[in-house]
C-alpha atoms as a PDB file:
ATOM      1  CA  UNK A   1     107.380 152.506 -20.458  1.00  0.00           C
ATOM      2  CA  UNK A   2     107.049 153.976 -16.962  1.00  0.00           C
ATOM      3  CA  UNK A   3     108.635 157.248 -18.065  1.00  0.00           C
ATOM      4  CA  UNK A   4     106.233 157.410 -21.025  1.00  0.00           C
ATOM      5  CA  UNK A   5     103.229 156.957 -18.724  1.00  0.00           C
ATOM      6  CA  UNK A   6     104.623 159.505 -16.260  1.00  0.00           C
ATOM      7  CA  UNK A   7     105.100 162.015 -19.069  1.00  0.00           C
ATOM      8  CA  UNK A   8     101.587 161.379 -20.388  1.00  0.00           C
ATOM      9  CA  UNK A   9     100.128 162.072 -16.936  1.00  0.00           C
ATOM     10  CA  UNK A  10     101.922 165.413 -16.753  1.00  0.00           C
ATOM     11  CA  UNK A  11     100.665 166.600 -20.155  1.00  0.00           C
ATOM     12  CA  UNK A  12      97.753 169.035 -20.443  1.00  0.00           C
ATOM     13  CA  UNK A  13      94.362 167.524 -21.235  1.00  0.00           C
ATOM     14  CA  UNK A  14      94.446 168.711 -24.859  1.00  0.00           C
ATOM     15  CA  UNK A  15      97.623 166.792 -25.632  1.00  0.00           C
ATOM     16  CA  UNK A  16      96.219 163.667 -24.027  1.00  0.00           C
ATOM     17  CA  UNK A  17      93.063 163.976 -26.125  1.00  0.00           C
ATOM     18  CA  UNK A  18      95.024 164.631 -29.308  1.00  0.00           C
ATOM     19  CA  UNK A  19      97.287 161.672 -28.650  1.00  0.00           C
ATOM     20  CA  UNK A  20      94.308 159.436 -27.937  1.00  0.00           C
ATOM     21  CA  UNK A  21      92.543 160.633 -31.101  1.00  0.00           C
ATOM     22  CA  UNK A  22      95.676 160.038 -33.145  1.00  0.00           C
ATOM     23  CA  UNK A  23      96.107 156.583 -31.600  1.00  0.00           C
ATOM     24  CA  UNK A  24      92.489 155.673 -32.382  1.00  0.00           C
ATOM     25  CA  UNK A  25      92.974 156.774 -35.994  1.00  0.00           C
ATOM     26  CA  UNK A  26      96.120 154.638 -36.309  1.00  0.00           C
ATOM     27  CA  UNK A  27      94.343 151.617 -34.792  1.00  0.00           C
ATOM     28  CA  UNK A  28      91.308 152.105 -37.046  1.00  0.00           C
ATOM     29  CA  UNK A  29      93.549 152.328 -40.093  1.00  0.00           C
ATOM     30  CA  UNK A  30      95.482 149.224 -39.013  1.00  0.00           C
ATOM     31  CA  UNK A  31      92.265 147.256 -38.425  1.00  0.00           C
ATOM     32  CA  UNK A  32      90.911 148.372 -41.791  1.00  0.00           C
ATOM     33  CA  UNK A  33      94.083 147.192 -43.510  1.00  0.00           C
ATOM     34  CA  UNK A  34      94.194 143.865 -41.652  1.00  0.00           C
ATOM     35  CA  UNK A  35      90.526 142.835 -41.880  1.00  0.00           C
ATOM     36  CA  UNK A  36      89.721 144.076 -45.382  1.00  0.00           C
ATOM     37  CA  UNK A  37      93.126 143.457 -46.924  1.00  0.00           C
ATOM     38  CA  UNK A  38      92.767 146.863 -48.561  1.00  0.00           C
ATOM     39  CA  UNK A  39      94.809 149.922 -47.866  1.00  0.00           C
ATOM     40  CA  UNK A  40      93.593 153.458 -47.704  1.00  0.00           C
ATOM     41  CA  UNK A  41      95.131 156.250 -49.676  1.00  0.00           C
ATOM     42  CA  UNK A  42      97.544 158.257 -47.499  1.00  0.00           C
ATOM     43  CA  UNK A  43      95.839 161.527 -48.460  1.00  0.00           C
ATOM     44  CA  UNK A  44      92.439 160.106 -47.494  1.00  0.00           C
ATOM     45  CA  UNK A  45      93.824 158.840 -44.179  1.00  0.00           C
ATOM     46  CA  UNK A  46      95.442 162.202 -43.446  1.00  0.00           C
ATOM     47  CA  UNK A  47      92.179 164.016 -44.205  1.00  0.00           C
ATOM     48  CA  UNK A  48      90.154 161.743 -41.922  1.00  0.00           C
ATOM     49  CA  UNK A  49      92.708 162.109 -39.119  1.00  0.00           C
ATOM     50  CA  UNK A  50      92.674 165.897 -39.371  1.00  0.00           C
ATOM     51  CA  UNK A  51      88.883 166.012 -39.457  1.00  0.00           C
ATOM     52  CA  UNK A  52      88.790 164.021 -36.228  1.00  0.00           C
ATOM     53  CA  UNK A  53      91.513 166.034 -34.466  1.00  0.00           C
ATOM     54  CA  UNK A  54      90.447 169.545 -35.570  1.00  0.00           C
ATOM     55  CA  UNK A  55      87.318 169.738 -33.368  1.00  0.00           C
ATOM     56  CA  UNK A  56      89.400 168.834 -30.315  1.00  0.00           C
ATOM     57  CA  UNK A  57      91.815 171.681 -31.045  1.00  0.00           C
ATOM     58  CA  UNK A  58      88.884 174.071 -31.565  1.00  0.00           C
ATOM     59  CA  UNK A  59      87.241 173.039 -28.290  1.00  0.00           C
ATOM     60  CA  UNK A  60      90.504 173.429 -26.402  1.00  0.00           C
ATOM     61  CA  UNK A  61      91.105 176.891 -27.836  1.00  0.00           C
ATOM     62  CA  UNK A  62      87.682 177.970 -26.568  1.00  0.00           C
ATOM     63  CA  UNK A  63      88.248 176.351 -23.165  1.00  0.00           C
ATOM     64  CA  UNK A  64      91.610 178.069 -22.792  1.00  0.00           C
ATOM     65  CA  UNK A  65      89.841 181.417 -22.414  1.00  0.00           C
ATOM     66  CA  UNK A  66      87.981 179.972 -19.458  1.00  0.00           C
ATOM     67  CA  UNK A  67      91.058 178.290 -18.018  1.00  0.00           C
ATOM     68  CA  UNK A  68      91.580 180.912 -15.340  1.00  0.00           C
ATOM     69  CA  UNK A  69      87.963 181.280 -14.292  1.00  0.00           C
ATOM     70  CA  UNK A  70      87.876 182.322 -10.646  1.00  0.00           C
ATOM     71  CA  UNK A  71      84.967 182.322  -8.242  1.00  0.00           C
ATOM     72  CA  UNK A  72      86.253 185.104  -6.018  1.00  0.00           C
ATOM     73  CA  UNK A  73      88.087 187.800  -8.008  1.00  0.00           C
ATOM     74  CA  UNK A  74      88.683 189.928  -4.911  1.00  0.00           C
ATOM     75  CA  UNK A  75      90.711 187.114  -3.349  1.00  0.00           C
ATOM     76  CA  UNK A  76      92.455 186.296  -6.638  1.00  0.00           C
ATOM     77  CA  UNK A  77      93.530 189.929  -7.273  1.00  0.00           C
ATOM     78  CA  UNK A  78      95.599 190.750  -4.205  1.00  0.00           C
ATOM     79  CA  UNK A  79      97.711 193.813  -3.533  1.00  0.00           C
ATOM     80  CA  UNK A  80     100.457 193.880  -0.917  1.00  0.00           C
ATOM     81  CA  UNK A  81     102.714 196.812  -0.096  1.00  0.00           C
ATOM     82  CA  UNK A  82     105.223 195.790  -2.749  1.00  0.00           C
ATOM     83  CA  UNK A  83     103.459 193.428  -5.187  1.00  0.00           C
ATOM     84  CA  UNK A  84     100.314 192.871  -7.192  1.00  0.00           C
ATOM     85  CA  UNK A  85      99.417 189.201  -7.053  1.00  0.00           C
ATOM     86  CA  UNK A  86      97.091 187.486  -9.521  1.00  0.00           C
ATOM     87  CA  UNK A  87      96.931 183.827  -8.546  1.00  0.00           C
ATOM     88  CA  UNK A  88     100.443 182.455  -9.070  1.00  0.00           C
ATOM     89  CA  UNK A  89     101.738 185.567 -10.844  1.00  0.00           C
ATOM     90  CA  UNK A  90     103.381 188.302  -8.796  1.00  0.00           C
ATOM     91  CA  UNK A  91     104.487 191.676 -10.150  1.00  0.00           C
ATOM     92  CA  UNK A  92     106.221 194.599  -8.459  1.00  0.00           C
ATOM     93  CA  UNK A  93     103.615 197.244  -7.674  1.00  0.00           C
ATOM     94  CA  UNK A  94     105.654 200.017  -9.313  1.00  0.00           C
ATOM     95  CA  UNK A  95     105.590 198.164 -12.664  1.00  0.00           C
ATOM     96  CA  UNK A  96     101.788 197.997 -12.835  1.00  0.00           C
ATOM     97  CA  UNK A  97     100.473 201.090 -14.627  1.00  0.00           C
ATOM     98  CA  UNK A  98      97.262 199.824 -16.227  1.00  0.00           C
ATOM     99  CA  UNK A  99      94.653 197.186 -15.444  1.00  0.00           C
ATOM    100  CA  UNK A 100      92.159 196.117 -18.086  1.00  0.00           C
ATOM    101  CA  UNK A 101      88.756 195.062 -16.811  1.00  0.00           C
ATOM    102  CA  UNK A 102      85.661 194.469 -18.900  1.00  0.00           C
ATOM    103  CA  UNK A 103      82.360 192.614 -19.030  1.00  0.00           C
ATOM    104  CA  UNK A 104      80.904 190.751 -21.999  1.00  0.00           C
ATOM    105  CA  UNK A 105      77.433 189.313 -21.413  1.00  0.00           C
ATOM    106  CA  UNK A 106      77.732 187.353 -18.139  1.00  0.00           C
ATOM    107  CA  UNK A 107      81.532 187.058 -18.099  1.00  0.00           C
ATOM    108  CA  UNK A 108      84.010 189.527 -16.611  1.00  0.00           C
ATOM    109  CA  UNK A 109      87.618 189.721 -17.749  1.00  0.00           C
ATOM    110  CA  UNK A 110      90.601 191.232 -15.933  1.00  0.00           C
ATOM    111  CA  UNK A 111      94.199 191.434 -17.132  1.00  0.00           C
ATOM    112  CA  UNK A 112      97.458 193.284 -16.846  1.00  0.00           C
ATOM    113  CA  UNK A 113      98.138 193.536 -20.593  1.00  0.00           C
ATOM    114  CA  UNK A 114     101.311 195.618 -20.274  1.00  0.00           C
ATOM    115  CA  UNK A 115     102.954 193.402 -17.656  1.00  0.00           C
ATOM    116  CA  UNK A 116     104.236 190.243 -19.284  1.00  0.00           C
ATOM    117  CA  UNK A 117     105.319 187.431 -16.961  1.00  0.00           C
ATOM    118  CA  UNK A 118     106.812 185.555 -19.937  1.00  0.00           C
ATOM    119  CA  UNK A 119     107.172 186.706 -23.535  1.00  0.00           C
ATOM    120  CA  UNK A 120     103.648 187.053 -24.884  1.00  0.00           C
ATOM    121  CA  UNK A 121     102.007 185.906 -21.637  1.00  0.00           C
ATOM    122  CA  UNK A 122     100.407 188.349 -19.233  1.00  0.00           C
ATOM    123  CA  UNK A 123      98.376 187.764 -16.063  1.00  0.00           C
ATOM    124  CA  UNK A 124      94.647 187.485 -16.685  1.00  0.00           C
ATOM    125  CA  UNK A 125      91.519 185.776 -15.419  1.00  0.00           C
ATOM    126  CA  UNK A 126      87.791 185.636 -15.981  1.00  0.00           C
ATOM    127  CA  UNK A 127      85.062 185.927 -13.379  1.00  0.00           C
ATOM    128  CA  UNK A 128      81.306 186.270 -12.942  1.00  0.00           C
ATOM    129  CA  UNK A 129      80.067 189.588 -14.345  1.00  0.00           C
ATOM    130  CA  UNK A 130      78.153 190.341 -11.150  1.00  0.00           C
ATOM    131  CA  UNK A 131      81.515 190.866  -9.376  1.00  0.00           C
ATOM    132  CA  UNK A 132      82.627 193.558 -11.859  1.00  0.00           C
ATOM    133  CA  UNK A 133      81.770 196.615  -9.757  1.00  0.00           C
ATOM    134  CA  UNK A 134      83.253 195.147  -6.580  1.00  0.00           C
ATOM    135  CA  UNK A 135      86.497 194.215  -8.354  1.00  0.00           C
ATOM    136  CA  UNK A 136      86.775 197.612 -10.004  1.00  0.00           C
ATOM    137  CA  UNK A 137      86.289 199.357  -6.643  1.00  0.00           C
ATOM    138  CA  UNK A 138      88.836 196.992  -5.049  1.00  0.00           C
ATOM    139  CA  UNK A 139      91.423 197.850  -7.711  1.00  0.00           C
ATOM    140  CA  UNK A 140      90.758 201.594  -7.463  1.00  0.00           C
ATOM    141  CA  UNK A 141      91.136 201.489  -3.683  1.00  0.00           C
ATOM    142  CA  UNK A 142      94.239 199.285  -3.620  1.00  0.00           C
ATOM    143  CA  UNK A 143      95.971 200.896  -6.607  1.00  0.00           C
ATOM    144  CA  UNK A 144      94.840 204.540  -6.828  1.00  0.00           C
ATOM    145  CA  UNK A 145      97.627 205.542  -9.256  1.00  0.00           C
ATOM    146  CA  UNK A 146      96.816 202.786 -11.738  1.00  0.00           C
ATOM    147  CA  UNK A 147      94.723 203.581 -14.815  1.00  0.00           C
ATOM    148  CA  UNK A 148      91.783 201.210 -15.247  1.00  0.00           C
ATOM    149  CA  UNK A 149      91.111 200.497 -18.900  1.00  0.00           C
ATOM    150  CA  UNK A 150      87.546 199.404 -19.640  1.00  0.00           C
END
């Protein structure tokens, strides 16, 4: 039981919410069956469970875009003599050829789309749109040979 609780604590928030939602559905179904002495159709139960869990998945997908929201993009995007560092991700400076930076409404977005740290995963973050010009100038100064894609 202790290992189960330890594993639950280490899970991302989405998985905890999904597990809790699933557990509530199971308990509700069990209570329905016990107190009414009726059983629900498995297809009906599956539909209700999915209707409850789907909004949580949708919310998490939208929150994932904001997961790496930083307050100070100039501190988050660091350049040393040999590496480009974005938070916990570090890439050799000679591998970085392009930096994508853009603004949509009041949200800025910066990524290294051609530098994967894991298959399908590349360094990125979002920031306040008012910091766009300062970040772009910082990148141009620190990495003059890099093409900035906007």
